[in-house]
Amino acid sequence: MTTTDLNKQIRFVEADIVFVLKLALAFVLIVVGTVGILFPIFPDWPLIIVGIILLDAHGNARRKMISWLPAKYQAKATRILFWRNKDRR
């Protein structure tokens, strides 16, 4: 096994670990946000929205969330929710 093959395998394992950690964090945020709806001690909607953003890799759910907003808030919400994407579509 060459060094380049080993580096490729390490990158695949790193990507898998990051993916699993994102899923776990998103799940925890959504659960805590849901508990926050029942018990108003925790902030609820910000945690749920961040959890959805972590789960949504392609932006489909974020686009739907933006379409539900009134027109005057859509541009600002697009900038906030798609801050990492170069094309904000």
C-alpha atoms as a PDB file:
ATOM      1  CA  MET A   1       0.000   0.000   0.000  1.00  0.00           C
ATOM      2  CA  THR A   2       1.455   3.342  -1.020  1.00  0.00           C
ATOM      3  CA  THR A   3       1.411   6.577   0.893  1.00  0.00           C
ATOM      4  CA  THR A   4      -1.125   8.180  -1.448  1.00  0.00           C
ATOM      5  CA  ASP A   5      -3.538   5.276  -0.985  1.00  0.00           C
ATOM      6  CA  LEU A   6      -3.171   5.563   2.753  1.00  0.00           C
ATOM      7  CA  ASN A   7      -3.791   9.326   2.608  1.00  0.00           C
ATOM      8  CA  LYS A   8      -6.953   8.762   0.538  1.00  0.00           C
ATOM      9  CA  GLN A   9      -8.249   6.246   3.066  1.00  0.00           C
ATOM     10  CA  ILE A  10      -7.506   8.617   5.924  1.00  0.00           C
ATOM     11  CA  ARG A  11      -9.433  11.411   4.165  1.00  0.00           C
ATOM     12  CA  PHE A  12     -12.412   9.100   3.647  1.00  0.00           C
ATOM     13  CA  VAL A  13     -12.390   8.122   7.314  1.00  0.00           C
ATOM     14  CA  GLU A  14     -12.113  11.791   8.350  1.00  0.00           C
ATOM     15  CA  ALA A  15     -15.073  12.677   6.122  1.00  0.00           C
ATOM     16  CA  ASP A  16     -17.129   9.856   7.648  1.00  0.00           C
ATOM     17  CA  ILE A  17     -16.283  10.951  11.180  1.00  0.00           C
ATOM     18  CA  VAL A  18     -17.216  14.565  10.427  1.00  0.00           C
ATOM     19  CA  PHE A  19     -20.484  13.409   8.835  1.00  0.00           C
ATOM     20  CA  VAL A  20     -21.431  11.296  11.860  1.00  0.00           C
ATOM     21  CA  LEU A  21     -20.531  14.118  14.262  1.00  0.00           C
ATOM     22  CA  LYS A  22     -22.669  16.574  12.277  1.00  0.00           C
ATOM     23  CA  LEU A  23     -25.602  14.162  12.364  1.00  0.00           C
ATOM     24  CA  ALA A  24     -25.218  13.616  16.105  1.00  0.00           C
ATOM     25  CA  LEU A  25     -24.947  17.350  16.809  1.00  0.00           C
ATOM     26  CA  ALA A  26     -27.959  18.124  14.612  1.00  0.00           C
ATOM     27  CA  PHE A  27     -30.000  15.431  16.357  1.00  0.00           C
ATOM     28  CA  VAL A  28     -29.045  16.760  19.800  1.00  0.00           C
ATOM     29  CA  LEU A  29     -29.889  20.338  18.805  1.00  0.00           C
ATOM     30  CA  ILE A  30     -33.279  19.347  17.428  1.00  0.00           C
ATOM     31  CA  VAL A  31     -34.106  17.274  20.517  1.00  0.00           C
ATOM     32  CA  VAL A  32     -33.022  20.046  22.906  1.00  0.00           C
ATOM     33  CA  GLY A  33     -34.969  22.581  20.827  1.00  0.00           C
ATOM     34  CA  THR A  34     -38.048  20.379  21.001  1.00  0.00           C
ATOM     35  CA  VAL A  35     -37.646  20.088  24.773  1.00  0.00           C
ATOM     36  CA  GLY A  36     -37.325  23.884  24.791  1.00  0.00           C
ATOM     37  CA  ILE A  37     -40.775  24.146  23.232  1.00  0.00           C
ATOM     38  CA  LEU A  38     -42.228  22.097  26.090  1.00  0.00           C
ATOM     39  CA  PHE A  39     -40.188  23.765  28.840  1.00  0.00           C
ATOM     40  CA  PRO A  40     -39.487  27.421  28.090  1.00  0.00           C
ATOM     41  CA  ILE A  41     -36.155  27.347  29.929  1.00  0.00           C
ATOM     42  CA  PHE A  42     -34.201  26.565  26.734  1.00  0.00           C
ATOM     43  CA  PRO A  43     -34.214  28.601  23.528  1.00  0.00           C
ATOM     44  CA  ASP A  44     -36.262  26.487  21.169  1.00  0.00           C
ATOM     45  CA  TRP A  45     -36.436  27.748  17.589  1.00  0.00           C
ATOM     46  CA  PRO A  46     -32.801  28.821  17.184  1.00  0.00           C
ATOM     47  CA  LEU A  47     -31.633  25.336  18.184  1.00  0.00           C
ATOM     48  CA  ILE A  48     -34.099  23.635  15.860  1.00  0.00           C
ATOM     49  CA  ILE A  49     -33.118  25.887  12.938  1.00  0.00           C
ATOM     50  CA  VAL A  50     -29.392  25.254  13.485  1.00  0.00           C
ATOM     51  CA  GLY A  51     -30.094  21.505  13.637  1.00  0.00           C
ATOM     52  CA  ILE A  52     -31.997  21.660  10.345  1.00  0.00           C
ATOM     53  CA  ILE A  53     -29.176  23.633   8.735  1.00  0.00           C
ATOM     54  CA  LEU A  54     -26.662  20.994   9.822  1.00  0.00           C
ATOM     55  CA  LEU A  55     -28.822  18.202   8.403  1.00  0.00           C
ATOM     56  CA  ASP A  56     -29.525  20.037   5.158  1.00  0.00           C
ATOM     57  CA  ALA A  57     -26.417  19.681   2.995  1.00  0.00           C
ATOM     58  CA  HIS A  58     -27.909  20.931  -0.283  1.00  0.00           C
ATOM     59  CA  GLY A  59     -30.060  23.757   1.040  1.00  0.00           C
ATOM     60  CA  ASN A  60     -33.495  22.452   0.031  1.00  0.00           C
ATOM     61  CA  ALA A  61     -35.033  22.823   3.496  1.00  0.00           C
ATOM     62  CA  ARG A  62     -33.458  26.259   3.912  1.00  0.00           C
ATOM     63  CA  ARG A  63     -34.979  27.419   0.617  1.00  0.00           C
ATOM     64  CA  LYS A  64     -38.399  26.222   1.779  1.00  0.00           C
ATOM     65  CA  MET A  65     -37.983  28.028   5.100  1.00  0.00           C
ATOM     66  CA  ILE A  66     -37.086  31.238   3.256  1.00  0.00           C
ATOM     67  CA  SER A  67     -40.090  30.934   0.935  1.00  0.00           C
ATOM     68  CA  TRP A  68     -42.406  30.934   3.968  1.00  0.00           C
ATOM     69  CA  LEU A  69     -41.044  34.271   5.172  1.00  0.00           C
ATOM     70  CA  PRO A  70     -42.557  37.611   4.164  1.00  0.00           C
ATOM     71  CA  ALA A  71     -40.806  39.154   1.141  1.00  0.00           C
ATOM     72  CA  LYS A  72     -39.114  41.909   3.106  1.00  0.00           C
ATOM     73  CA  TYR A  73     -37.196  39.359   5.251  1.00  0.00           C
ATOM     74  CA  GLN A  74     -36.197  36.917   2.505  1.00  0.00           C
ATOM     75  CA  ALA A  75     -32.987  38.664   1.383  1.00  0.00           C
ATOM     76  CA  LYS A  76     -31.614  38.925   4.931  1.00  0.00           C
ATOM     77  CA  ALA A  77     -32.595  35.337   5.742  1.00  0.00           C
ATOM     78  CA  THR A  78     -30.872  34.153   2.563  1.00  0.00           C
ATOM     79  CA  ARG A  79     -27.655  35.887   3.591  1.00  0.00           C
ATOM     80  CA  ILE A  80     -27.831  34.357   7.063  1.00  0.00           C
ATOM     81  CA  LEU A  81     -28.785  30.795   6.114  1.00  0.00           C
ATOM     82  CA  PHE A  82     -26.487  30.530   3.088  1.00  0.00           C
ATOM     83  CA  TRP A  83     -23.478  32.348   4.532  1.00  0.00           C
ATOM     84  CA  ARG A  84     -21.119  29.527   3.524  1.00  0.00           C
ATOM     85  CA  ASN A  85     -22.391  29.135  -0.053  1.00  0.00           C
ATOM     86  CA  LYS A  86     -21.043  31.386  -2.756  1.00  0.00           C
ATOM     87  CA  ASP A  87     -24.181  31.124  -4.909  1.00  0.00           C
ATOM     88  CA  ARG A  88     -27.083  31.988  -2.653  1.00  0.00           C
ATOM     89  CA  ARG A  89     -29.742  30.189  -4.636  1.00  0.00           C
END
